[in-house]
Amino acid sequence: MYFCNPFKLKRKGIMGMNQRNSGYIGRYNPRKLYPLVDNKLKTKIIARNAKVTTPALLGVISIQAEVQNVESFIKETTGFVIKPAKGSGGKGILVITKIENGRYFKANGEEESLPEIKRHVTDILAGLFSLGGSADVAVVEALIQFDNAFDGFSFEGVPDVRVIVFKGFPVMAMMRLSTAASDGKANLHQGAVGVGLDIATGKALHAVQFDRPIEYHPDTNKELKTLEVPKWERLIYLAASCYEMTGMGYLGTDMVLDRYLGPMLLELNARPGLAIQIANGQGILPRLKLIESLQNTERMDAEARVAFCQKHFSQS
């Protein structure tokens, strides 16, 4: 275990949790707007209205009497995802990547029976995975067919791109790659790999796992510095446009790249974590301060905000 000098962290522009909570989340995110972000179903609805692409919605289960409907929702699919609308940190997300002869398999090869799937939906409704343990609804989505450009960079699960958007400006980005340790989920706390991305190009900068620098994916041995996100311009534009869509000033946008549908929004986070700074090898505070110093930013559209960040925050 090691400790870092707080003065050194300050010089590097590293933002801590207290400063994030009081100076940015509390200041720029109106409480009345939180349901738009904390509820994945509401997020999907406002995204559809804003013409922001999201994974196809197969069905919604809101009461116990509807649990039997899950079989009809997944009947014609080759894979699907069931998630709690108010879940956080990847909890309660069931991903089925293969259906064969009426049998359901997760990415790691483990089989889930239909009764087990229905039981999982019941647990979601009971609030087992929701924020605060409140009653929830289960959202059934089509499985994302992730882009072939990421072959070997992620183990079993779908990789995603986290972009921190401040006042509509995409200030910092990283890609989260699932591992065996993270059970195929792109969750850094569970052992996923975080790869810092250059805002201008979508190319890899640094990579970490459990907050430690790494050069190769722990399961596939793929060299992480060769990673580059295709269709980056479209992805970063969609992330920036989530500002108008939600009205939230400090936001984490989780984007994915489908091989057929291109970049799409997976979900939003009103309390994005701070590990993105470690993945990028630098602090986010100088970027936030620069945006705060700008005048008349409300006159800038998403395209102009993206261009500003690509000019001032590029590390290539």
Protein backbone atom coordinates (compact mmCIF):
# COMPACT_ATOMS: atom_id res chain seq x y z
CA MET A 1 0.00 0.00 0.00
CA TYR A 2 1.27 3.46 -0.81
CA PHE A 3 0.29 7.07 -0.14
CA CYS A 4 0.73 10.05 -2.41
CA ASN A 5 1.69 13.50 -1.21
CA PRO A 6 -1.48 15.68 -1.30
CA PHE A 7 0.56 18.69 -2.49
CA LYS A 8 1.83 16.68 -5.42
CA LEU A 9 -1.74 15.67 -6.29
CA LYS A 10 -2.78 19.30 -6.17
CA ARG A 11 0.04 20.33 -8.50
CA LYS A 12 -1.09 17.67 -10.97
CA GLY A 13 -4.62 19.04 -10.92
CA ILE A 14 -6.14 15.91 -9.39
CA MET A 15 -9.70 16.40 -8.15
CA GLY A 16 -10.76 14.60 -4.98
CA MET A 17 -14.19 13.32 -4.01
CA ASN A 18 -15.13 16.21 -1.70
CA GLN A 19 -14.25 18.79 -4.32
CA ARG A 20 -16.16 16.85 -6.96
CA ASN A 21 -19.24 16.57 -4.76
CA SER A 22 -19.41 20.17 -3.53
CA GLY A 23 -17.74 22.10 -6.33
CA TYR A 24 -19.20 20.35 -9.34
CA ILE A 25 -21.94 17.77 -8.73
CA GLY A 26 -23.72 19.80 -6.05
CA ARG A 27 -23.22 23.07 -7.89
CA TYR A 28 -24.03 22.12 -11.47
CA ASN A 29 -26.52 19.24 -11.18
CA PRO A 30 -30.00 20.39 -10.07
CA ARG A 31 -31.56 17.77 -7.81
CA LYS A 32 -34.83 17.84 -9.73
CA LEU A 33 -33.04 16.47 -12.80
CA TYR A 34 -31.49 13.44 -11.11
CA PRO A 35 -34.37 11.07 -12.02
CA LEU A 36 -33.57 11.61 -15.71
CA VAL A 37 -30.12 10.15 -15.09
CA ASP A 38 -30.66 7.73 -12.20
CA ASN A 39 -33.51 5.93 -13.99
CA LYS A 40 -32.28 4.11 -17.09
CA LEU A 41 -35.77 3.88 -18.54
CA LYS A 42 -36.28 7.65 -18.28
CA THR A 43 -32.84 8.17 -19.81
CA LYS A 44 -33.79 5.99 -22.75
CA ILE A 45 -37.00 7.96 -23.30
CA ILE A 46 -35.34 11.40 -23.32
CA ALA A 47 -32.52 10.04 -25.52
CA ARG A 48 -35.07 8.79 -28.05
CA ASN A 49 -36.73 12.22 -28.08
CA ALA A 50 -33.33 13.87 -28.61
CA LYS A 51 -32.52 11.42 -31.43
CA VAL A 52 -29.60 9.96 -29.49
CA THR A 53 -29.20 6.27 -30.35
CA THR A 54 -29.54 3.73 -27.52
CA PRO A 55 -29.76 -0.10 -27.43
CA ALA A 56 -33.15 -1.36 -28.62
CA LEU A 57 -35.76 -1.72 -25.89
CA LEU A 58 -37.34 -5.20 -25.92
CA GLY A 59 -39.64 -4.75 -22.96
CA VAL A 60 -40.25 -3.40 -19.48
CA ILE A 61 -41.43 -5.37 -16.45
CA SER A 62 -42.83 -3.22 -13.66
CA ILE A 63 -44.92 -5.58 -11.48
CA GLN A 64 -44.64 -9.19 -10.38
CA ALA A 65 -47.60 -10.28 -12.52
CA GLU A 66 -45.62 -9.27 -15.63
CA VAL A 67 -42.55 -11.40 -14.86
CA GLN A 68 -43.89 -14.21 -17.04
CA ASN A 69 -43.71 -11.79 -20.01
CA VAL A 70 -39.92 -11.94 -20.01
CA GLU A 71 -40.04 -15.15 -22.07
CA SER A 72 -41.92 -13.42 -24.90
CA PHE A 73 -39.52 -10.44 -24.83
CA ILE A 74 -36.43 -12.63 -25.36
CA LYS A 75 -38.00 -15.28 -27.61
CA GLU A 76 -36.71 -14.02 -30.97
CA THR A 77 -33.31 -12.76 -29.81
CA THR A 78 -29.81 -14.21 -30.01
CA GLY A 79 -28.83 -12.43 -26.80
CA PHE A 80 -30.19 -9.82 -24.40
CA VAL A 81 -29.55 -7.70 -21.32
CA ILE A 82 -31.80 -7.35 -18.27
CA LYS A 83 -31.01 -4.46 -15.95
CA PRO A 84 -32.61 -2.56 -13.06
CA ALA A 85 -33.80 0.89 -14.12
CA LYS A 86 -32.41 2.43 -10.92
CA GLY A 87 -29.33 0.27 -10.48
CA SER A 88 -25.80 1.59 -10.03
CA GLY A 89 -22.24 0.35 -10.36
CA GLY A 90 -23.20 -2.46 -12.74
CA LYS A 91 -25.19 -4.26 -10.03
CA GLY A 92 -28.08 -6.45 -11.12
CA ILE A 93 -27.20 -6.47 -14.83
CA LEU A 94 -27.70 -9.88 -16.43
CA VAL A 95 -26.11 -10.33 -19.84
CA ILE A 96 -27.01 -13.34 -21.99
CA THR A 97 -24.73 -13.59 -25.01
CA LYS A 98 -25.92 -16.88 -26.50
CA ILE A 99 -29.22 -18.74 -26.76
CA GLU A 100 -29.03 -22.33 -27.96
CA ASN A 101 -31.89 -24.83 -28.06
CA GLY A 102 -33.83 -22.87 -25.47
CA ARG A 103 -30.83 -22.61 -23.15
CA TYR A 104 -29.34 -19.29 -22.05
CA PHE A 105 -25.62 -18.66 -21.59
CA LYS A 106 -23.63 -15.77 -20.10
CA ALA A 107 -20.36 -14.55 -21.60
CA ASN A 108 -18.30 -16.78 -19.30
CA GLY A 109 -20.17 -19.88 -20.50
CA GLU A 110 -22.32 -20.29 -17.39
CA GLU A 111 -25.90 -21.31 -18.09
CA GLU A 112 -28.92 -19.45 -16.75
CA SER A 113 -32.24 -21.28 -16.78
CA LEU A 114 -35.49 -19.50 -17.58
CA PRO A 115 -36.68 -19.85 -13.94
CA GLU A 116 -33.39 -18.28 -12.80
CA ILE A 117 -33.87 -15.40 -15.24
CA LYS A 118 -37.39 -14.83 -13.94
CA ARG A 119 -36.08 -14.94 -10.36
CA HIS A 120 -33.52 -12.31 -11.27
CA VAL A 121 -36.30 -10.08 -12.62
CA THR A 122 -38.22 -10.57 -9.35
CA ASP A 123 -35.13 -9.50 -7.39
CA ILE A 124 -34.91 -6.35 -9.54
CA LEU A 125 -38.57 -5.51 -8.86
CA ALA A 126 -37.98 -5.92 -5.13
CA GLY A 127 -35.26 -3.28 -5.25
CA LEU A 128 -32.37 -5.62 -4.50
CA PHE A 129 -30.06 -3.67 -6.84
CA SER A 130 -31.62 -0.20 -6.86
CA LEU A 131 -30.33 3.01 -5.30
CA GLY A 132 -31.66 3.12 -1.75
CA GLY A 133 -33.32 -0.28 -2.08
CA SER A 134 -36.56 1.18 -3.48
CA ALA A 135 -38.92 -0.82 -5.69
CA ASP A 136 -37.71 -0.92 -9.28
CA VAL A 137 -38.57 -1.99 -12.80
CA ALA A 138 -36.65 -4.37 -15.05
CA VAL A 139 -35.52 -3.12 -18.46
CA VAL A 140 -34.92 -5.72 -21.19
CA GLU A 141 -32.63 -4.57 -24.00
CA ALA A 142 -31.16 -6.03 -27.16
CA LEU A 143 -27.58 -7.22 -26.86
CA ILE A 144 -24.99 -4.84 -28.28
CA GLN A 145 -22.86 -6.31 -31.06
CA PHE A 146 -19.61 -4.60 -30.23
CA ASP A 147 -17.38 -3.37 -33.03
CA ASN A 148 -14.73 -5.76 -34.38
CA ALA A 149 -12.15 -3.02 -33.83
CA PHE A 150 -12.13 -4.02 -30.16
CA ASP A 151 -11.38 -7.72 -30.69
CA GLY A 152 -8.88 -8.81 -28.06
CA PHE A 153 -9.18 -5.62 -26.04
CA SER A 154 -12.05 -6.84 -23.87
CA PHE A 155 -12.65 -10.20 -22.20
CA GLU A 156 -16.19 -11.53 -22.82
CA GLY A 157 -18.09 -8.31 -22.08
CA VAL A 158 -18.89 -5.21 -24.13
CA PRO A 159 -16.33 -2.38 -23.78
CA ASP A 160 -17.66 1.13 -23.21
CA VAL A 161 -16.37 4.69 -23.31
CA ARG A 162 -16.88 6.98 -20.31
CA VAL A 163 -16.81 10.67 -21.22
CA ILE A 164 -16.97 13.38 -18.55
CA VAL A 165 -19.08 16.23 -19.91
CA PHE A 166 -18.90 19.55 -18.07
CA LYS A 167 -21.31 22.32 -19.12
CA GLY A 168 -21.59 20.48 -22.42
CA PHE A 169 -17.82 20.20 -22.97
CA PRO A 170 -16.35 16.67 -23.24
CA VAL A 171 -13.35 17.26 -20.98
CA MET A 172 -11.94 13.77 -20.41
CA ALA A 173 -12.53 10.23 -21.71
CA MET A 174 -11.51 6.65 -21.08
CA MET A 175 -12.43 3.22 -22.35
CA ARG A 176 -13.40 0.51 -19.89
CA LEU A 177 -12.48 -3.02 -20.89
CA SER A 178 -13.93 -6.04 -19.12
CA THR A 179 -11.71 -8.79 -17.70
CA ALA A 180 -12.08 -12.19 -16.07
CA ALA A 181 -11.67 -10.43 -12.72
CA SER A 182 -14.59 -8.09 -13.49
CA ASP A 183 -16.79 -11.02 -14.61
CA GLY A 184 -17.16 -9.58 -18.09
CA LYS A 185 -18.40 -6.20 -16.81
CA ALA A 186 -16.83 -2.84 -17.63
CA ASN A 187 -16.59 -1.82 -13.98
CA LEU A 188 -13.20 -0.55 -12.79
CA HIS A 189 -13.91 -1.31 -9.13
CA GLN A 190 -14.52 -4.95 -10.04
CA GLY A 191 -11.27 -5.24 -12.00
CA ALA A 192 -11.99 -3.88 -15.49
CA VAL A 193 -9.15 -2.11 -17.32
CA GLY A 194 -9.37 1.66 -17.79
CA VAL A 195 -7.67 3.14 -20.84
CA GLY A 196 -7.30 6.93 -21.06
CA LEU A 197 -8.30 8.31 -24.46
CA ASP A 198 -7.10 11.41 -26.27
CA ILE A 199 -10.09 13.76 -26.69
CA ALA A 200 -8.97 14.79 -30.17
CA THR A 201 -8.39 11.35 -31.66
CA GLY A 202 -9.86 8.59 -29.48
CA LYS A 203 -6.42 6.96 -29.28
CA ALA A 204 -5.11 5.25 -26.14
CA LEU A 205 -2.91 7.23 -23.75
CA HIS A 206 -2.42 5.15 -20.59
CA ALA A 207 -3.99 2.02 -19.10
CA VAL A 208 -4.64 0.95 -15.52
CA GLN A 209 -6.19 -1.95 -13.63
CA PHE A 210 -6.94 -1.62 -9.91
CA ASP A 211 -5.34 1.86 -10.21
CA ARG A 212 -2.00 0.37 -11.30
CA PRO A 213 -0.42 1.02 -14.73
CA ILE A 214 -0.48 -1.91 -17.17
CA GLU A 215 0.57 -2.32 -20.80
CA TYR A 216 -1.27 -5.48 -21.86
CA HIS A 217 -4.77 -6.79 -21.27
CA PRO A 218 -4.47 -9.30 -18.39
CA ASP A 219 -6.53 -12.00 -20.15
CA THR A 220 -5.92 -11.52 -23.88
CA ASN A 221 -2.38 -10.06 -23.74
CA LYS A 222 -3.44 -7.41 -26.28
CA GLU A 223 -1.17 -4.35 -26.27
CA LEU A 224 -3.40 -1.59 -24.91
CA LYS A 225 -1.55 1.39 -26.38
CA THR A 226 -2.67 0.26 -29.86
CA LEU A 227 -6.33 0.82 -29.02
CA GLU A 228 -8.14 3.46 -31.08
CA VAL A 229 -11.88 4.13 -31.01
CA PRO A 230 -13.38 4.28 -34.52
CA LYS A 231 -16.11 6.81 -35.39
CA TRP A 232 -14.71 8.96 -32.60
CA GLU A 233 -16.09 12.25 -33.94
CA ARG A 234 -19.66 10.92 -33.85
CA LEU A 235 -19.21 9.37 -30.40
CA ILE A 236 -17.79 12.48 -28.77
CA TYR A 237 -20.49 14.64 -30.38
CA LEU A 238 -23.25 12.41 -28.95
CA ALA A 239 -21.62 12.61 -25.51
CA ALA A 240 -21.50 16.42 -25.66
CA SER A 241 -25.13 16.64 -26.80
CA CYS A 242 -26.25 14.89 -23.59
CA TYR A 243 -25.90 18.29 -21.91
CA GLU A 244 -28.88 19.71 -23.81
CA MET A 245 -30.72 16.42 -23.40
CA THR A 246 -30.53 16.40 -19.58
CA GLY A 247 -29.66 19.90 -18.40
CA MET A 248 -27.03 18.36 -16.09
CA GLY A 249 -23.83 20.38 -15.83
CA TYR A 250 -21.47 17.64 -14.61
CA LEU A 251 -22.16 14.31 -16.20
CA GLY A 252 -20.63 10.93 -16.97
CA THR A 253 -21.82 9.56 -20.31
CA ASP A 254 -21.28 5.87 -21.05
CA MET A 255 -21.08 5.22 -24.78
CA VAL A 256 -20.73 1.98 -26.74
CA LEU A 257 -19.90 1.23 -30.35
CA ASP A 258 -22.18 -1.25 -32.10
CA ARG A 259 -20.74 -2.79 -35.27
CA TYR A 260 -23.98 -2.14 -37.17
CA LEU A 261 -25.51 0.93 -35.49
CA GLY A 262 -22.33 2.81 -34.60
CA PRO A 263 -21.93 4.92 -31.43
CA MET A 264 -24.83 4.85 -28.99
CA LEU A 265 -25.59 5.96 -25.45
CA LEU A 266 -25.66 3.18 -22.88
CA GLU A 267 -26.43 5.21 -19.76
CA LEU A 268 -25.71 8.41 -17.86
CA ASN A 269 -24.20 9.04 -14.44
CA ALA A 270 -24.75 12.17 -12.32
CA ARG A 271 -21.94 11.13 -9.95
CA PRO A 272 -19.13 9.90 -12.22
CA GLY A 273 -16.09 8.46 -10.48
CA LEU A 274 -12.60 9.91 -10.38
CA ALA A 275 -10.53 6.99 -11.68
CA ILE A 276 -10.67 8.50 -15.16
CA GLN A 277 -7.86 10.81 -14.00
CA ILE A 278 -5.61 7.85 -13.26
CA ALA A 279 -6.38 6.28 -16.62
CA ASN A 280 -5.46 9.55 -18.36
CA GLY A 281 -2.33 10.14 -16.31
CA GLN A 282 -3.40 13.66 -15.34
CA GLY A 283 -5.91 15.61 -13.29
CA ILE A 284 -9.21 16.93 -14.57
CA LEU A 285 -9.27 20.16 -12.54
CA PRO A 286 -7.30 22.38 -14.98
CA ARG A 287 -9.75 21.44 -17.73
CA LEU A 288 -12.77 22.18 -15.56
CA LYS A 289 -11.29 25.53 -14.48
CA LEU A 290 -10.67 26.51 -18.12
CA ILE A 291 -14.29 25.79 -19.03
CA GLU A 292 -15.50 27.77 -16.01
CA SER A 293 -13.44 30.77 -17.17
CA LEU A 294 -15.12 30.91 -20.59
CA GLN A 295 -17.74 33.53 -21.39
CA ASN A 296 -21.02 33.02 -23.27
CA THR A 297 -20.66 29.23 -23.51
CA GLU A 298 -24.45 28.96 -23.78
CA ARG A 299 -24.12 30.28 -27.34
CA MET A 300 -21.91 27.37 -28.36
CA ASP A 301 -23.51 24.26 -29.85
CA ALA A 302 -22.25 20.72 -29.25
CA GLU A 303 -20.04 20.79 -32.34
CA ALA A 304 -18.30 23.98 -31.22
CA ARG A 305 -17.79 22.63 -27.69
CA VAL A 306 -16.23 19.44 -29.04
CA ALA A 307 -13.89 21.45 -31.30
CA PHE A 308 -12.79 23.57 -28.32
CA CYS A 309 -11.92 20.53 -26.23
CA GLN A 310 -10.12 18.79 -29.07
CA LYS A 311 -7.98 21.90 -29.54
CA HIS A 312 -7.16 22.56 -25.90
CA PHE A 313 -7.13 19.10 -24.29
CA SER A 314 -5.42 16.95 -26.91
CA GLN A 315 -2.52 14.87 -25.58
CA SER A 316 -1.38 13.49 -28.93
